[in-house]
Amino acid sequence: MGNQETGRKIMIDLLNNPAGDQYAYVMELQRLLMCYQVASPDDRNVVWAALNKYASKIDKI
């Protein structure tokens, strides 16, 4: 997943999707966000606990 800095905002660069299927990639991101929105606070903490191991890769952006 590529990122692109635009002014002060960092945006996901959908064109750099390594899988090559932009529609499937967008649908995956949409599903992930929708699930996160309805998750309980405890479940959100579990999600962040899992994702924080990757944070060092994106914190440099």
Protein backbone atom coordinates (compact mmCIF):
# COMPACT_ATOMS: atom_id res chain seq x y z
CA MET A 1 0.00 0.00 0.00
CA GLY A 2 1.55 3.27 -1.06
CA ASN A 3 1.06 6.59 0.62
CA GLN A 4 1.20 10.01 -0.87
CA GLU A 5 1.62 13.28 0.98
CA THR A 6 -0.63 16.03 -0.34
CA GLY A 7 -0.05 19.23 1.57
CA ARG A 8 -0.58 18.17 5.17
CA LYS A 9 -2.73 15.13 4.42
CA ILE A 10 -1.36 11.67 3.75
CA MET A 11 -3.50 9.68 1.37
CA ILE A 12 -3.46 6.05 0.33
CA ASP A 13 -2.21 5.70 -3.22
CA LEU A 14 -4.62 3.19 -4.73
CA LEU A 15 -2.64 3.05 -7.95
CA ASN A 16 0.27 1.39 -6.15
CA ASN A 17 -1.87 -1.54 -5.03
CA PRO A 18 0.45 -4.54 -5.25
CA ALA A 19 -2.44 -6.92 -5.95
CA GLY A 20 -3.36 -4.97 -9.09
CA ASP A 21 -7.13 -5.18 -8.57
CA GLN A 22 -8.09 -1.66 -7.55
CA TYR A 23 -11.79 -2.47 -7.09
CA ALA A 24 -11.07 -5.40 -4.76
CA TYR A 25 -8.59 -3.27 -2.83
CA VAL A 26 -11.12 -0.47 -2.35
CA MET A 27 -13.77 -2.97 -1.27
CA GLU A 28 -11.35 -4.49 1.26
CA LEU A 29 -10.58 -1.06 2.73
CA GLN A 30 -14.27 -0.17 2.83
CA ARG A 31 -15.13 -3.43 4.61
CA LEU A 32 -12.32 -2.91 7.09
CA LEU A 33 -13.52 0.60 7.93
CA MET A 34 -17.16 -0.44 8.21
CA CYS A 35 -16.29 -3.28 10.58
CA TYR A 36 -14.10 -0.96 12.64
CA GLN A 37 -16.93 1.57 12.92
CA VAL A 38 -19.28 -0.96 14.53
CA ALA A 39 -16.63 -2.65 16.69
CA SER A 40 -16.73 -2.29 20.46
CA PRO A 41 -14.04 -0.17 22.14
CA ASP A 42 -12.36 -3.36 23.39
CA ASP A 43 -12.29 -4.85 19.89
CA ARG A 44 -10.87 -1.61 18.49
CA ASN A 45 -8.08 -1.88 21.05
CA VAL A 46 -7.36 -5.41 19.81
CA VAL A 47 -7.20 -4.12 16.23
CA TRP A 48 -4.76 -1.37 17.25
CA ALA A 49 -2.66 -3.82 19.23
CA ALA A 50 -2.24 -5.90 16.06
CA LEU A 51 -1.60 -2.92 13.77
CA ASN A 52 0.84 -1.10 16.05
CA LYS A 53 3.59 -3.54 15.11
CA TYR A 54 3.48 -1.99 11.61
CA ALA A 55 3.28 1.62 12.78
CA SER A 56 7.04 2.17 12.57
CA LYS A 57 6.82 1.59 8.81
CA ILE A 58 4.29 4.36 8.29
CA ASP A 59 5.33 6.77 11.05
CA LYS A 60 8.31 7.71 8.89
CA ILE A 61 6.03 9.13 6.20
